[in-house]
Amino acid sequence: MIVHPQNPVASVGRAFLADLYLKRATRWDDGELARPIDQRADSAARRVFSESVLKRSVAAVKRYWQQRIFSGRDLPPPELDGDEAVVSYVASHRGAIGYVSGNAKLDKTKLVAVR
């Protein structure tokens, strides 16, 4: 997981991370608006993230968001095309958080541990 370099967190719990990505939580502990970013549904990084953090398949997460959209409750995190786009977005937005593959260049972002 990567965040903007000014984000004070060094690690984030899996439960809080899931809450951010399912938008049950919308702010960081310091009050900053959280801006979770997804990768495309067909990316390997998205599959690994969905299964290990959200404990759901990518298809199940898409169904969750279809229900939320249909009921007018919320919109899913934006989807970006790959590691480079996620790194660029996170580096440009203070409250952003994203996941990338293990070989991504983390320019101007901060790596955070998941506990």
C-alpha atoms as a PDB file:
ATOM      1  CA  MET A   1       0.000   0.000   0.000  1.00  0.00           C
ATOM      2  CA  ILE A   2       1.204   3.486  -0.785  1.00  0.00           C
ATOM      3  CA  VAL A   3       0.097   6.888   0.492  1.00  0.00           C
ATOM      4  CA  HIS A   4       1.012  10.520  -0.130  1.00  0.00           C
ATOM      5  CA  PRO A   5       4.360  11.304   1.553  1.00  0.00           C
ATOM      6  CA  GLN A   6       2.716  13.852   3.902  1.00  0.00           C
ATOM      7  CA  ASN A   7       0.303  11.247   5.277  1.00  0.00           C
ATOM      8  CA  PRO A   8       1.493  10.582   8.851  1.00  0.00           C
ATOM      9  CA  VAL A   9       0.520   6.883   8.934  1.00  0.00           C
ATOM     10  CA  ALA A  10       3.260   4.262   8.946  1.00  0.00           C
ATOM     11  CA  SER A  11       0.933   1.263   8.975  1.00  0.00           C
ATOM     12  CA  VAL A  12      -2.760   0.590   8.504  1.00  0.00           C
ATOM     13  CA  GLY A  13      -4.945  -2.223   9.802  1.00  0.00           C
ATOM     14  CA  ARG A  14      -6.670  -4.545   7.329  1.00  0.00           C
ATOM     15  CA  ALA A  15     -10.091  -3.792   8.810  1.00  0.00           C
ATOM     16  CA  PHE A  16      -9.629  -0.017   8.438  1.00  0.00           C
ATOM     17  CA  LEU A  17      -8.266  -0.516   4.934  1.00  0.00           C
ATOM     18  CA  ALA A  18     -11.344  -2.548   3.974  1.00  0.00           C
ATOM     19  CA  ASP A  19     -13.558   0.169   5.476  1.00  0.00           C
ATOM     20  CA  LEU A  20     -11.791   2.790   3.331  1.00  0.00           C
ATOM     21  CA  TYR A  21     -12.198   0.792   0.123  1.00  0.00           C
ATOM     22  CA  LEU A  22     -15.846  -0.067   0.854  1.00  0.00           C
ATOM     23  CA  LYS A  23     -16.371   3.558   1.967  1.00  0.00           C
ATOM     24  CA  ARG A  24     -17.568   2.680   5.441  1.00  0.00           C
ATOM     25  CA  ALA A  25     -14.787   5.052   6.567  1.00  0.00           C
ATOM     26  CA  THR A  26     -14.059   8.258   4.666  1.00  0.00           C
ATOM     27  CA  ARG A  27     -11.351  10.051   6.673  1.00  0.00           C
ATOM     28  CA  TRP A  28      -7.883   9.415   8.038  1.00  0.00           C
ATOM     29  CA  ASP A  29      -7.272   9.765  11.788  1.00  0.00           C
ATOM     30  CA  ASP A  30      -6.015  13.339  11.238  1.00  0.00           C
ATOM     31  CA  GLY A  31      -9.326  14.300   9.577  1.00  0.00           C
ATOM     32  CA  GLU A  32      -7.999  14.329   6.002  1.00  0.00           C
ATOM     33  CA  LEU A  33     -10.447  13.004   3.391  1.00  0.00           C
ATOM     34  CA  ALA A  34      -9.389   9.506   2.327  1.00  0.00           C
ATOM     35  CA  ARG A  35      -9.115   8.918  -1.419  1.00  0.00           C
ATOM     36  CA  PRO A  36      -8.795   5.180  -2.088  1.00  0.00           C
ATOM     37  CA  ILE A  37      -7.792   4.207  -5.625  1.00  0.00           C
ATOM     38  CA  ASP A  38      -8.453   0.856  -7.296  1.00  0.00           C
ATOM     39  CA  GLN A  39      -6.731  -0.718 -10.247  1.00  0.00           C
ATOM     40  CA  ARG A  40      -8.674  -2.170 -13.175  1.00  0.00           C
ATOM     41  CA  ALA A  41     -10.794  -5.221 -12.394  1.00  0.00           C
ATOM     42  CA  ASP A  42      -8.614  -7.461 -14.577  1.00  0.00           C
ATOM     43  CA  SER A  43      -5.316  -6.563 -12.880  1.00  0.00           C
ATOM     44  CA  ALA A  44      -3.454  -9.096 -10.757  1.00  0.00           C
ATOM     45  CA  ALA A  45      -2.818  -6.449  -8.082  1.00  0.00           C
ATOM     46  CA  ARG A  46      -6.587  -5.853  -7.773  1.00  0.00           C
ATOM     47  CA  ARG A  47      -7.286  -9.578  -7.396  1.00  0.00           C
ATOM     48  CA  VAL A  48      -4.652  -9.985  -4.683  1.00  0.00           C
ATOM     49  CA  PHE A  49      -5.834  -6.860  -2.843  1.00  0.00           C
ATOM     50  CA  SER A  50      -9.522  -7.825  -3.014  1.00  0.00           C
ATOM     51  CA  GLU A  51      -8.935 -11.355  -1.797  1.00  0.00           C
ATOM     52  CA  SER A  52      -6.390 -10.576   0.933  1.00  0.00           C
ATOM     53  CA  VAL A  53      -7.747  -7.287   2.312  1.00  0.00           C
ATOM     54  CA  LEU A  54     -11.444  -7.146   1.409  1.00  0.00           C
ATOM     55  CA  LYS A  55     -11.832 -10.932   1.781  1.00  0.00           C
ATOM     56  CA  ARG A  56     -13.990 -10.939  -1.365  1.00  0.00           C
ATOM     57  CA  SER A  57     -13.423 -11.716  -5.012  1.00  0.00           C
ATOM     58  CA  VAL A  58     -13.230  -8.848  -7.480  1.00  0.00           C
ATOM     59  CA  ALA A  59     -16.647  -9.925  -8.819  1.00  0.00           C
ATOM     60  CA  ALA A  60     -18.140  -9.818  -5.298  1.00  0.00           C
ATOM     61  CA  VAL A  61     -16.750  -6.311  -4.765  1.00  0.00           C
ATOM     62  CA  LYS A  62     -18.248  -5.218  -8.099  1.00  0.00           C
ATOM     63  CA  ARG A  63     -21.657  -6.597  -6.972  1.00  0.00           C
ATOM     64  CA  TYR A  64     -21.329  -4.711  -3.670  1.00  0.00           C
ATOM     65  CA  TRP A  65     -20.778  -1.472  -5.582  1.00  0.00           C
ATOM     66  CA  GLN A  66     -23.602  -2.155  -8.045  1.00  0.00           C
ATOM     67  CA  GLN A  67     -26.002  -2.423  -5.092  1.00  0.00           C
ATOM     68  CA  ARG A  68     -24.644   0.772  -3.499  1.00  0.00           C
ATOM     69  CA  ILE A  69     -24.894   2.694  -6.779  1.00  0.00           C
ATOM     70  CA  PHE A  70     -28.408   1.392  -7.494  1.00  0.00           C
ATOM     71  CA  SER A  71     -29.602   2.449  -4.041  1.00  0.00           C
ATOM     72  CA  GLY A  72     -28.019   5.896  -4.496  1.00  0.00           C
ATOM     73  CA  ARG A  73     -25.694   5.492  -1.523  1.00  0.00           C
ATOM     74  CA  ASP A  74     -22.207   5.926  -2.956  1.00  0.00           C
ATOM     75  CA  LEU A  75     -19.764   5.435  -5.809  1.00  0.00           C
ATOM     76  CA  PRO A  76     -16.786   3.063  -5.855  1.00  0.00           C
ATOM     77  CA  PRO A  77     -13.188   4.252  -5.711  1.00  0.00           C
ATOM     78  CA  PRO A  78     -11.909   5.349  -9.132  1.00  0.00           C
ATOM     79  CA  GLU A  79     -10.147   2.691 -11.201  1.00  0.00           C
ATOM     80  CA  LEU A  80      -6.796   3.556 -12.732  1.00  0.00           C
ATOM     81  CA  ASP A  81      -4.785   1.746 -15.401  1.00  0.00           C
ATOM     82  CA  GLY A  82      -1.910   0.157 -13.541  1.00  0.00           C
ATOM     83  CA  ASP A  83       0.854   0.885 -11.076  1.00  0.00           C
ATOM     84  CA  GLU A  84       2.223   4.003 -12.756  1.00  0.00           C
ATOM     85  CA  ALA A  85      -1.187   5.729 -12.779  1.00  0.00           C
ATOM     86  CA  VAL A  86      -1.801   4.807  -9.125  1.00  0.00           C
ATOM     87  CA  VAL A  87       1.614   6.116  -8.057  1.00  0.00           C
ATOM     88  CA  SER A  88       1.042   9.371  -9.954  1.00  0.00           C
ATOM     89  CA  TYR A  89      -2.414   9.883  -8.404  1.00  0.00           C
ATOM     90  CA  VAL A  90      -1.260   9.086  -4.866  1.00  0.00           C
ATOM     91  CA  ALA A  91       1.726  11.418  -5.203  1.00  0.00           C
ATOM     92  CA  SER A  92      -0.619  14.239  -6.270  1.00  0.00           C
ATOM     93  CA  HIS A  93      -3.381  13.887  -3.616  1.00  0.00           C
ATOM     94  CA  ARG A  94      -2.663  14.151   0.109  1.00  0.00           C
ATOM     95  CA  GLY A  95      -5.432  11.783   1.258  1.00  0.00           C
ATOM     96  CA  ALA A  96      -4.850   9.171  -1.443  1.00  0.00           C
ATOM     97  CA  ILE A  97      -4.084   5.515  -0.827  1.00  0.00           C
ATOM     98  CA  GLY A  98      -3.488   2.826  -3.401  1.00  0.00           C
ATOM     99  CA  TYR A  99      -2.038  -0.600  -3.949  1.00  0.00           C
ATOM    100  CA  VAL A 100       0.590  -1.521  -6.493  1.00  0.00           C
ATOM    101  CA  SER A 101       2.466  -4.619  -7.571  1.00  0.00           C
ATOM    102  CA  GLY A 102       5.751  -5.527  -5.918  1.00  0.00           C
ATOM    103  CA  ASN A 103       7.905  -4.186  -8.759  1.00  0.00           C
ATOM    104  CA  ALA A 104       6.267  -0.727  -9.000  1.00  0.00           C
ATOM    105  CA  LYS A 105       8.428   2.403  -8.807  1.00  0.00           C
ATOM    106  CA  LEU A 106       7.162   4.292  -5.761  1.00  0.00           C
ATOM    107  CA  ASP A 107       8.383   7.743  -6.809  1.00  0.00           C
ATOM    108  CA  LYS A 108       7.185  10.508  -4.465  1.00  0.00           C
ATOM    109  CA  THR A 109       4.922   8.176  -2.445  1.00  0.00           C
ATOM    110  CA  LYS A 110       5.321   6.458   0.900  1.00  0.00           C
ATOM    111  CA  LEU A 111       5.032   2.734   1.478  1.00  0.00           C
ATOM    112  CA  VAL A 112       2.838   1.767   4.442  1.00  0.00           C
ATOM    113  CA  ALA A 113       2.664  -1.595   6.148  1.00  0.00           C
ATOM    114  CA  VAL A 114      -0.611  -3.517   6.403  1.00  0.00           C
ATOM    115  CA  ARG A 115      -1.173  -5.116   9.769  1.00  0.00           C
END
